[in-house]
Amino acid sequence: MLDDLSTVLLVDDEDHLLAAMRMALEDDFDCICAGNADAAMAVMEDQFVQVIFCDQRMPGRSGVEYLIEVRDRWPEIVRIIITGYTETNDMIAAINEAEIYQFLTKPWHPGLLVMTAKNAADVFRLNRECDRMSLKIRCLSRSVESKLEEKRKVRREELGFENVLRETLTRLKWNTSRTAAELGLNRVELRAKIDRYGIAEPGKFETCGEEEE
């Protein structure tokens, strides 16, 4: 089904090369063609694109210049340069500025074009999945912390924080690190609470089993 195919944008000012690329890829991808950088940018305003194959030498903006803008606006899109030249400056700019995924040189082999497109589409999907999982983990972390804080709040309200603090200090033998962690405080906040409630220290204050100076 066409809806299940990744969308590949092909950008080249030579119509016969666009037609050849489309012929090689259209069985496996939804292909969109553009004759220059401006036309390609207009396509991307309306279409969801996962992979771009772009010629380097085109009238107007070069492939690298176009892909730099793509990187800035849609960094998740996998970018590939096709060139008949191997100029060092172009290659350095493509790697460092446009952050391209791969170079392809002309004349390209259809099998290599298809393999590169499939690998690029896989990279796009994997990056999307990693982003989704990262967001899920952050949301879960915030949710867990929020629930813990709610429990701390309820406990403080039910027993009174002063009583909780006294009980915790006694139970943990005045281990400040463990006491602070259990009550959701840092060391400075814990000291301030102890001073505020006038809780007397039985001997020297201990941290992790060691005496503080």
Protein backbone atom coordinates (compact mmCIF):
# COMPACT_ATOMS: atom_id res chain seq x y z
CA MET A 1 0.00 0.00 0.00
CA LEU A 2 1.27 3.46 -0.92
CA ASP A 3 0.36 4.84 2.50
CA ASP A 4 2.81 2.40 4.10
CA LEU A 5 5.77 3.55 2.01
CA SER A 6 8.38 6.03 3.20
CA THR A 7 8.38 9.28 1.24
CA VAL A 8 11.57 10.16 -0.64
CA LEU A 9 12.14 13.59 -2.15
CA LEU A 10 14.35 13.61 -5.26
CA VAL A 11 15.96 16.94 -6.16
CA ASP A 12 17.85 17.42 -9.44
CA ASP A 13 17.72 19.97 -12.24
CA GLU A 14 18.11 17.28 -14.92
CA ASP A 15 14.77 15.70 -15.77
CA HIS A 16 16.21 12.46 -17.13
CA LEU A 17 18.11 11.85 -13.87
CA LEU A 18 14.99 12.52 -11.82
CA ALA A 19 13.08 10.06 -13.99
CA ALA A 20 15.82 7.44 -13.59
CA MET A 21 15.90 7.81 -9.80
CA ARG A 22 12.14 7.62 -9.60
CA MET A 23 12.07 4.49 -11.74
CA ALA A 24 14.64 2.82 -9.48
CA LEU A 25 12.83 3.71 -6.23
CA GLU A 26 9.12 3.85 -6.97
CA ASP A 27 8.45 0.16 -6.21
CA ASP A 28 9.64 0.63 -2.62
CA PHE A 29 9.00 4.31 -1.91
CA ASP A 30 6.57 7.13 -2.46
CA CYS A 31 8.71 9.40 -4.65
CA ILE A 32 8.30 13.16 -5.10
CA CYS A 33 10.43 15.08 -7.60
CA ALA A 34 11.64 18.68 -7.61
CA GLY A 35 13.83 20.47 -10.15
CA ASN A 36 15.63 22.85 -7.78
CA ALA A 37 16.06 23.79 -4.14
CA ASP A 38 13.20 26.29 -4.05
CA ALA A 39 10.75 23.83 -5.59
CA ALA A 40 11.92 21.17 -3.13
CA MET A 41 11.38 23.51 -0.19
CA ALA A 42 7.85 24.25 -1.39
CA VAL A 43 7.14 20.51 -1.51
CA MET A 44 8.37 20.06 2.04
CA GLU A 45 6.01 22.72 3.35
CA ASP A 46 3.11 20.42 2.42
CA GLN A 47 4.53 16.89 2.47
CA PHE A 48 5.91 14.62 5.19
CA VAL A 49 9.32 13.57 3.87
CA GLN A 50 11.66 11.06 5.49
CA VAL A 51 14.58 10.95 3.03
CA ILE A 52 16.06 13.44 0.54
CA PHE A 53 18.34 12.67 -2.40
CA CYS A 54 19.71 15.98 -3.68
CA ASP A 55 22.10 16.85 -6.51
CA GLN A 56 24.95 19.12 -5.45
CA ARG A 57 25.35 21.22 -8.62
CA MET A 58 22.07 22.96 -9.46
CA PRO A 59 21.08 26.44 -10.70
CA GLY A 60 20.45 28.79 -7.80
CA ARG A 61 21.20 27.20 -4.46
CA SER A 62 23.53 24.23 -4.33
CA GLY A 63 22.55 20.93 -2.78
CA VAL A 64 24.59 21.66 0.35
CA GLU A 65 23.00 25.10 0.79
CA TYR A 66 19.54 23.59 0.45
CA LEU A 67 20.27 20.72 2.85
CA ILE A 68 21.64 23.13 5.46
CA GLU A 69 18.21 24.81 5.52
CA VAL A 70 16.56 21.39 5.68
CA ARG A 71 18.76 20.46 8.64
CA ASP A 72 17.80 23.67 10.45
CA ARG A 73 14.06 23.29 9.85
CA TRP A 74 13.57 19.51 9.73
CA PRO A 75 16.67 17.95 11.34
CA GLU A 76 15.10 14.48 11.53
CA ILE A 77 15.00 14.10 7.72
CA VAL A 78 17.83 11.91 6.42
CA ARG A 79 19.86 13.88 3.86
CA ILE A 80 21.87 12.40 0.97
CA ILE A 81 23.99 14.27 -1.60
CA ILE A 82 24.39 13.03 -5.18
CA THR A 83 27.30 14.53 -7.07
CA GLY A 84 29.43 13.98 -10.14
CA TYR A 85 32.25 15.85 -8.46
CA THR A 86 34.50 14.96 -5.56
CA GLU A 87 35.71 18.41 -4.56
CA THR A 88 37.06 18.38 -1.02
CA ASN A 89 35.42 21.68 -0.02
CA ASP A 90 31.98 20.46 -1.10
CA MET A 91 32.42 17.22 0.81
CA ILE A 92 33.58 18.98 3.98
CA ALA A 93 30.69 21.45 3.80
CA ALA A 94 28.19 18.64 3.25
CA ILE A 95 29.46 16.68 6.24
CA ASN A 96 30.05 19.52 8.70
CA GLU A 97 27.32 21.99 7.76
CA ALA A 98 24.51 19.98 6.17
CA GLU A 99 25.26 16.90 8.31
CA ILE A 100 24.46 14.57 5.44
CA TYR A 101 23.92 10.86 5.92
CA GLN A 102 25.77 9.72 2.79
CA PHE A 103 27.39 10.71 -0.52
CA LEU A 104 26.46 9.05 -3.79
CA THR A 105 28.55 9.69 -6.89
CA LYS A 106 27.36 9.78 -10.47
CA PRO A 107 26.82 7.52 -12.27
CA TRP A 108 25.05 5.63 -9.50
CA HIS A 109 23.91 2.02 -9.68
CA PRO A 110 20.14 1.46 -9.21
CA GLY A 111 20.77 -1.26 -6.64
CA LEU A 112 22.97 1.04 -4.58
CA LEU A 113 20.37 3.80 -4.80
CA VAL A 114 17.64 1.48 -3.48
CA MET A 115 19.86 0.09 -0.70
CA THR A 116 20.86 3.60 0.39
CA ALA A 117 17.23 4.72 0.43
CA LYS A 118 16.16 1.71 2.50
CA ASN A 119 18.97 2.24 5.00
CA ALA A 120 18.13 5.93 5.26
CA ALA A 121 14.45 5.16 5.87
CA ASP A 122 15.47 2.72 8.61
CA VAL A 123 17.63 5.42 10.20
CA PHE A 124 14.67 7.81 10.15
CA ARG A 125 12.39 5.25 11.81
CA LEU A 126 14.99 4.35 14.44
CA ASN A 127 15.60 8.00 15.29
CA ARG A 128 11.86 8.58 15.62
CA GLU A 129 11.53 5.54 17.88
CA CYS A 130 14.45 6.70 20.04
CA ASP A 131 12.88 10.15 20.35
CA ARG A 132 9.54 8.59 21.29
CA MET A 133 11.12 6.34 23.92
CA SER A 134 13.17 9.22 25.33
CA LEU A 135 10.04 11.34 25.67
CA LYS A 136 8.19 8.44 27.31
CA ILE A 137 11.01 7.94 29.82
CA ARG A 138 11.05 11.65 30.68
CA CYS A 139 7.28 11.64 31.16
CA LEU A 140 7.45 8.54 33.35
CA SER A 141 10.25 10.06 35.43
CA ARG A 142 8.21 13.20 36.00
CA SER A 143 5.16 11.10 36.84
CA VAL A 144 7.06 8.97 39.37
CA GLU A 145 8.62 12.03 41.01
CA SER A 146 5.22 13.70 41.16
CA LYS A 147 3.67 10.67 42.86
CA LEU A 148 6.53 10.45 45.35
CA GLU A 149 6.14 14.11 46.19
CA GLU A 150 2.40 13.63 46.70
CA LYS A 151 3.12 10.79 49.14
CA ARG A 152 5.66 12.93 51.00
CA LYS A 153 3.15 15.76 51.19
CA VAL A 154 0.42 13.50 52.57
CA ARG A 155 2.78 12.05 55.13
CA ARG A 156 3.94 15.48 56.23
CA GLU A 157 0.35 16.67 56.54
CA GLU A 158 -0.84 13.58 58.42
CA LEU A 159 1.93 13.35 60.99
CA GLY A 160 3.30 16.84 60.98
CA PHE A 161 6.67 17.36 59.41
CA GLU A 162 8.40 17.99 62.71
CA ASN A 163 7.34 14.60 64.04
CA VAL A 164 8.34 12.93 60.79
CA LEU A 165 11.74 14.61 60.93
CA ARG A 166 12.33 13.58 64.54
CA GLU A 167 11.25 10.01 63.87
CA THR A 168 13.37 9.71 60.73
CA LEU A 169 16.50 11.15 62.34
CA THR A 170 16.14 8.76 65.27
CA ARG A 171 15.40 5.74 63.08
CA LEU A 172 18.35 6.46 60.79
CA LYS A 173 20.64 7.29 63.73
CA TRP A 174 21.10 10.86 62.55
CA ASN A 175 22.54 9.86 59.18
CA THR A 176 21.95 13.16 57.37
CA SER A 177 22.39 11.88 53.82
CA ARG A 178 19.81 9.13 54.22
CA THR A 179 17.47 11.37 56.20
CA ALA A 180 17.59 14.11 53.58
CA ALA A 181 17.00 11.61 50.75
CA GLU A 182 14.05 9.96 52.49
CA LEU A 183 12.39 13.30 53.21
CA GLY A 184 13.07 14.76 49.77
CA LEU A 185 15.43 17.45 51.05
CA ASN A 186 19.00 18.45 50.38
CA ARG A 187 21.54 18.76 53.20
CA VAL A 188 21.14 22.54 53.55
CA GLU A 189 17.35 22.25 53.77
CA LEU A 190 17.64 19.46 56.34
CA ARG A 191 19.95 21.55 58.54
CA ALA A 192 17.53 24.47 58.30
CA LYS A 193 14.60 22.27 59.38
CA ILE A 194 16.54 20.87 62.34
CA ASP A 195 17.47 24.38 63.47
CA ARG A 196 13.93 25.62 62.91
CA TYR A 197 12.36 22.94 65.10
CA GLY A 198 15.15 23.10 67.67
CA ILE A 199 15.84 19.38 67.47
CA ALA A 200 18.77 18.48 69.71
CA GLU A 201 21.51 16.32 68.31
CA PRO A 202 22.49 13.35 70.48
CA GLY A 203 26.24 13.74 70.10
CA LYS A 204 27.90 14.72 66.87
CA PHE A 205 26.03 14.83 63.56
CA GLU A 206 26.83 11.80 61.37
CA THR A 207 26.91 11.43 57.62
CA CYS A 208 26.99 7.98 56.02
CA GLY A 209 28.29 6.52 59.25
CA GLU A 210 31.09 9.11 59.59
CA GLU A 211 31.23 12.07 61.94
CA GLU A 212 31.03 15.55 60.48
CA GLU A 213 33.66 18.04 61.47
